[in-house]
């Protein structure tokens, strides 16, 4: 069955492809960071932060400083998951933001 497309060539609004595909693709295949598989599903906020920090510092493709790239990817994931993110998972990821700030010595954010 053909997917309805807008003039821009994207899938029609409201379809699963239009609302989920591009963000999932970014999370799985970021061109800026090489993420550890399943990093956003881990239960340890400090482990998530260490992994994001390691990925950001090791990347030569990122366009901004490592802290900003790592925090952006984490925030991107939280925002894209939206209402489908359980309260428990959201709390873990929000704590991972705090751990990421600590890992980079940034407490003013």
N, C-alpha and C. Protein backbone atom coordinates (compact mmCIF):
# COMPACT_ATOMS: atom_id res chain seq x y z
N UNK A 1 0.84 -1.17 0.00
CA UNK A 1 0.00 0.00 0.00
C UNK A 1 0.89 1.23 0.00
N UNK A 2 0.59 2.19 -0.84
CA UNK A 2 1.41 3.40 -0.96
C UNK A 2 1.15 4.35 0.20
N UNK A 3 2.21 4.97 0.67
CA UNK A 3 2.13 5.95 1.75
C UNK A 3 1.78 7.30 1.15
N UNK A 4 0.81 8.01 1.72
CA UNK A 4 0.50 9.36 1.27
C UNK A 4 1.67 10.26 1.60
N UNK A 5 2.02 11.14 0.67
CA UNK A 5 3.13 12.04 0.91
C UNK A 5 2.69 13.48 0.73
N UNK A 6 3.35 14.35 1.47
CA UNK A 6 3.10 15.78 1.33
C UNK A 6 3.91 16.30 0.15
N UNK A 7 3.76 17.58 -0.17
CA UNK A 7 4.51 18.18 -1.26
C UNK A 7 6.01 18.11 -1.02
N UNK A 8 6.43 18.07 0.27
CA UNK A 8 7.85 18.01 0.58
C UNK A 8 8.40 16.60 0.42
N UNK A 9 7.53 15.61 0.13
CA UNK A 9 7.97 14.25 -0.06
C UNK A 9 7.96 13.43 1.23
N UNK A 10 7.57 14.05 2.35
CA UNK A 10 7.51 13.33 3.60
C UNK A 10 6.17 12.62 3.73
N UNK A 11 6.13 11.61 4.57
CA UNK A 11 4.88 10.89 4.78
C UNK A 11 3.84 11.82 5.37
N UNK A 12 2.59 11.55 5.07
CA UNK A 12 1.49 12.39 5.54
C UNK A 12 1.45 12.44 7.06
N UNK A 13 1.10 13.60 7.60
CA UNK A 13 1.01 13.78 9.05
C UNK A 13 0.00 12.81 9.64
N UNK A 14 0.36 12.24 10.78
CA UNK A 14 -0.55 11.32 11.45
C UNK A 14 -0.23 9.86 11.17
N UNK A 15 0.58 9.60 10.16
CA UNK A 15 0.94 8.21 9.89
C UNK A 15 2.09 7.84 10.81
N UNK A 16 2.24 6.56 11.09
CA UNK A 16 3.32 6.10 11.96
C UNK A 16 4.67 6.52 11.39
N UNK A 17 4.84 6.43 10.10
CA UNK A 17 6.12 6.78 9.50
C UNK A 17 6.44 8.25 9.71
N UNK A 18 5.47 9.11 9.54
CA UNK A 18 5.72 10.54 9.68
C UNK A 18 6.05 10.91 11.12
N UNK A 19 5.44 10.26 12.08
CA UNK A 19 5.64 10.65 13.48
C UNK A 19 6.78 9.90 14.15
N UNK A 20 7.19 8.75 13.64
CA UNK A 20 8.19 7.96 14.35
C UNK A 20 9.48 7.72 13.58
N UNK A 21 9.43 7.59 12.31
CA UNK A 21 10.57 7.10 11.55
C UNK A 21 11.81 7.98 11.66
N UNK A 22 11.70 9.26 11.38
CA UNK A 22 12.91 10.08 11.30
C UNK A 22 13.61 10.20 12.65
N UNK A 23 12.87 10.31 13.74
CA UNK A 23 13.51 10.45 15.05
C UNK A 23 14.14 9.13 15.49
N UNK A 24 13.48 8.04 15.21
CA UNK A 24 14.07 6.74 15.53
C UNK A 24 15.32 6.50 14.73
N UNK A 25 15.29 6.92 13.50
CA UNK A 25 16.47 6.78 12.63
C UNK A 25 17.64 7.61 13.19
N UNK A 26 17.38 8.81 13.64
CA UNK A 26 18.43 9.65 14.23
C UNK A 26 18.99 8.99 15.48
N UNK A 27 18.12 8.47 16.32
CA UNK A 27 18.57 7.82 17.56
C UNK A 27 19.44 6.61 17.24
N UNK A 28 19.03 5.82 16.25
CA UNK A 28 19.78 4.60 15.92
C UNK A 28 21.03 4.88 15.12
N UNK A 29 21.00 5.90 14.27
CA UNK A 29 22.11 6.13 13.34
C UNK A 29 22.57 7.57 13.34
N UNK A 30 22.83 8.11 14.51
CA UNK A 30 23.30 9.49 14.60
C UNK A 30 24.59 9.65 13.81
N UNK A 31 24.66 10.73 13.04
CA UNK A 31 25.88 11.01 12.30
C UNK A 31 26.86 11.80 13.14
N UNK A 32 26.43 12.26 14.29
CA UNK A 32 27.29 13.05 15.16
C UNK A 32 27.96 12.20 16.24
N UNK A 33 27.24 11.22 16.75
CA UNK A 33 27.76 10.39 17.83
C UNK A 33 27.55 8.92 17.52
N UNK A 34 28.53 8.10 17.90
CA UNK A 34 28.37 6.65 17.82
C UNK A 34 27.90 6.19 19.19
N UNK A 35 26.60 5.97 19.31
CA UNK A 35 26.01 5.61 20.61
C UNK A 35 26.13 4.12 20.87
N UNK A 36 26.32 3.77 22.15
CA UNK A 36 26.28 2.36 22.55
C UNK A 36 24.86 1.85 22.34
N UNK A 37 24.75 0.62 21.89
CA UNK A 37 23.43 0.03 21.66
C UNK A 37 22.60 0.04 22.93
N UNK A 38 21.38 0.54 22.86
CA UNK A 38 20.45 0.52 23.97
C UNK A 38 20.77 1.49 25.09
N UNK A 39 21.64 2.46 24.85
CA UNK A 39 22.08 3.37 25.91
C UNK A 39 20.91 4.02 26.64
N UNK A 40 19.85 4.36 25.95
CA UNK A 40 18.73 5.05 26.58
C UNK A 40 17.79 4.11 27.34
N UNK A 41 18.06 2.82 27.28
CA UNK A 41 17.24 1.85 28.01
C UNK A 41 17.91 1.40 29.31
N UNK A 42 19.15 1.81 29.53
CA UNK A 42 19.88 1.41 30.73
C UNK A 42 19.24 2.03 31.97
N UNK A 43 19.38 1.37 33.11
CA UNK A 43 18.77 1.83 34.36
C UNK A 43 19.68 2.70 35.21
N UNK A 44 20.96 2.76 34.89
CA UNK A 44 21.92 3.52 35.69
C UNK A 44 22.21 4.87 35.02
N UNK A 45 21.72 5.97 35.60
CA UNK A 45 21.93 7.30 35.00
C UNK A 45 23.41 7.65 34.82
N UNK A 46 24.25 7.24 35.76
CA UNK A 46 25.68 7.54 35.65
C UNK A 46 26.30 6.78 34.48
N UNK A 47 25.87 5.56 34.26
CA UNK A 47 26.38 4.76 33.14
C UNK A 47 25.95 5.38 31.81
N UNK A 48 24.72 5.85 31.74
CA UNK A 48 24.23 6.52 30.53
C UNK A 48 25.08 7.75 30.26
N UNK A 49 25.32 8.55 31.30
CA UNK A 49 26.11 9.78 31.15
C UNK A 49 27.54 9.47 30.71
N UNK A 50 28.16 8.46 31.31
CA UNK A 50 29.53 8.09 30.92
C UNK A 50 29.59 7.67 29.46
N UNK A 51 28.60 6.91 29.04
CA UNK A 51 28.57 6.44 27.65
C UNK A 51 28.40 7.61 26.68
N UNK A 52 27.47 8.52 26.99
CA UNK A 52 27.26 9.69 26.12
C UNK A 52 28.50 10.57 26.08
N UNK A 53 29.15 10.75 27.23
CA UNK A 53 30.37 11.56 27.29
C UNK A 53 31.47 10.93 26.44
N UNK A 54 31.65 9.63 26.59
CA UNK A 54 32.67 8.91 25.81
C UNK A 54 32.38 9.03 24.30
N UNK A 55 31.12 8.87 23.93
CA UNK A 55 30.74 8.98 22.52
C UNK A 55 30.98 10.38 21.97
N UNK A 56 30.61 11.39 22.75
CA UNK A 56 30.76 12.77 22.30
C UNK A 56 32.24 13.16 22.20
N UNK A 57 33.02 12.76 23.18
CA UNK A 57 34.45 13.12 23.15
C UNK A 57 35.20 12.37 22.06
N UNK A 58 34.74 11.18 21.72
CA UNK A 58 35.41 10.39 20.69
C UNK A 58 34.99 10.70 19.27
N UNK A 59 33.94 11.47 19.11
CA UNK A 59 33.41 11.75 17.77
C UNK A 59 34.16 12.88 17.10
N UNK A 60 34.49 12.67 15.84
CA UNK A 60 35.09 13.75 15.04
C UNK A 60 34.05 14.36 14.10
N UNK A 61 32.82 13.83 14.14
CA UNK A 61 31.77 14.31 13.24
C UNK A 61 30.84 15.31 13.90
N UNK A 62 30.92 15.45 15.21
CA UNK A 62 30.00 16.37 15.89
C UNK A 62 30.33 17.80 15.50
N UNK A 63 29.30 18.65 15.59
CA UNK A 63 29.46 20.03 15.15
C UNK A 63 29.63 21.01 16.31
N UNK A 64 29.39 20.56 17.53
CA UNK A 64 29.54 21.45 18.68
C UNK A 64 30.44 20.75 19.71
N UNK A 65 30.67 21.42 20.82
CA UNK A 65 31.53 20.85 21.86
C UNK A 65 30.92 19.54 22.39
N UNK A 66 31.74 18.66 22.96
CA UNK A 66 31.25 17.36 23.41
C UNK A 66 30.08 17.43 24.39
N UNK A 67 30.16 18.34 25.38
CA UNK A 67 29.07 18.44 26.36
C UNK A 67 27.74 18.75 25.66
N UNK A 68 27.79 19.71 24.80
CA UNK A 68 26.56 20.13 24.11
C UNK A 68 26.00 19.02 23.23
N UNK A 69 26.88 18.31 22.53
CA UNK A 69 26.43 17.20 21.68
C UNK A 69 25.78 16.09 22.50
N UNK A 70 26.42 15.74 23.62
CA UNK A 70 25.89 14.66 24.46
C UNK A 70 24.55 15.06 25.07
N UNK A 71 24.47 16.28 25.60
CA UNK A 71 23.22 16.74 26.22
C UNK A 71 22.12 16.87 25.17
N UNK A 72 22.47 17.32 23.99
CA UNK A 72 21.48 17.45 22.91
C UNK A 72 20.90 16.10 22.53
N UNK A 73 21.74 15.09 22.44
CA UNK A 73 21.25 13.76 22.07
C UNK A 73 20.32 13.21 23.15
N UNK A 74 20.68 13.41 24.41
CA UNK A 74 19.84 12.93 25.50
C UNK A 74 18.50 13.67 25.53
N UNK A 75 18.54 14.97 25.39
CA UNK A 75 17.32 15.78 25.37
C UNK A 75 16.46 15.43 24.17
N UNK A 76 17.10 15.23 23.03
CA UNK A 76 16.40 14.82 21.81
C UNK A 76 15.62 13.53 22.06
N UNK A 77 16.28 12.55 22.66
CA UNK A 77 15.61 11.28 22.91
C UNK A 77 14.42 11.46 23.85
N UNK A 78 14.60 12.20 24.93
CA UNK A 78 13.51 12.43 25.88
C UNK A 78 12.33 13.12 25.19
N UNK A 79 12.62 14.14 24.42
CA UNK A 79 11.55 14.89 23.74
C UNK A 79 10.85 14.05 22.69
N UNK A 80 11.58 13.26 21.94
CA UNK A 80 10.98 12.45 20.89
C UNK A 80 10.14 11.33 21.48
N UNK A 81 10.54 10.78 22.62
CA UNK A 81 9.76 9.70 23.24
C UNK A 81 8.44 10.25 23.77
N UNK A 82 8.45 11.49 24.22
CA UNK A 82 7.23 12.18 24.63
C UNK A 82 6.35 11.42 25.57
N UNK A 83 5.08 11.35 25.25
CA UNK A 83 4.10 10.72 26.13
C UNK A 83 4.28 9.21 26.23
N UNK A 84 5.03 8.61 25.32
CA UNK A 84 5.25 7.17 25.37
C UNK A 84 6.32 6.77 26.37
N UNK A 85 7.02 7.75 26.92
CA UNK A 85 8.07 7.49 27.90
C UNK A 85 7.43 7.34 29.28
N UNK A 86 7.67 6.22 29.94
CA UNK A 86 7.09 6.02 31.27
C UNK A 86 7.68 7.02 32.25
N UNK A 87 6.97 7.28 33.32
CA UNK A 87 7.45 8.21 34.33
C UNK A 87 8.77 7.73 34.93
N UNK A 88 8.88 6.43 35.14
CA UNK A 88 10.11 5.86 35.69
C UNK A 88 11.29 6.06 34.74
N UNK A 89 11.08 5.78 33.46
CA UNK A 89 12.14 5.94 32.46
C UNK A 89 12.52 7.41 32.34
N UNK A 90 11.54 8.31 32.35
CA UNK A 90 11.80 9.75 32.26
C UNK A 90 12.68 10.20 33.43
N UNK A 91 12.39 9.69 34.64
CA UNK A 91 13.18 10.05 35.82
C UNK A 91 14.63 9.59 35.67
N UNK A 92 14.83 8.38 35.17
CA UNK A 92 16.19 7.88 34.95
C UNK A 92 16.93 8.78 33.97
N UNK A 93 16.27 9.14 32.88
CA UNK A 93 16.92 9.97 31.86
C UNK A 93 17.16 11.39 32.35
N UNK A 94 16.27 11.92 33.16
CA UNK A 94 16.49 13.25 33.73
C UNK A 94 17.66 13.22 34.71
N UNK A 95 17.79 12.13 35.46
CA UNK A 95 18.94 12.00 36.36
C UNK A 95 20.22 11.84 35.54
N UNK A 96 20.12 11.21 34.37
CA UNK A 96 21.28 11.08 33.49
C UNK A 96 21.76 12.46 33.03
N UNK A 97 20.84 13.40 32.86
CA UNK A 97 21.23 14.77 32.52
C UNK A 97 22.09 15.36 33.64
N UNK A 98 21.65 15.17 34.88
CA UNK A 98 22.41 15.66 36.03
C UNK A 98 23.79 15.01 36.08
N UNK A 99 23.84 13.71 35.83
CA UNK A 99 25.12 13.00 35.82
C UNK A 99 26.02 13.49 34.69
N UNK A 100 25.43 13.80 33.56
CA UNK A 100 26.20 14.32 32.43
C UNK A 100 26.80 15.68 32.77
N UNK A 101 26.01 16.51 33.44
CA UNK A 101 26.53 17.82 33.88
C UNK A 101 27.72 17.62 34.81
N UNK A 102 27.59 16.69 35.76
CA UNK A 102 28.69 16.41 36.69
C UNK A 102 29.92 15.90 35.95
N UNK A 103 29.70 15.00 35.01
CA UNK A 103 30.81 14.39 34.26
C UNK A 103 31.61 15.43 33.50
N UNK A 104 30.94 16.46 33.05
CA UNK A 104 31.61 17.54 32.30
C UNK A 104 31.97 18.73 33.19
N UNK A 105 31.70 18.61 34.50
CA UNK A 105 32.00 19.71 35.41
C UNK A 105 31.15 20.93 35.18
N UNK A 106 29.92 20.72 34.72
CA UNK A 106 28.99 21.80 34.43
C UNK A 106 27.85 21.74 35.42
N UNK A 107 27.75 22.69 36.30
CA UNK A 107 26.65 22.69 37.27
C UNK A 107 25.72 23.85 37.06
N UNK A 108 26.07 24.77 36.16
CA UNK A 108 25.24 25.96 35.95
C UNK A 108 24.06 25.71 35.03
N UNK A 109 24.02 24.61 34.30
CA UNK A 109 22.91 24.35 33.36
C UNK A 109 21.68 23.89 34.06
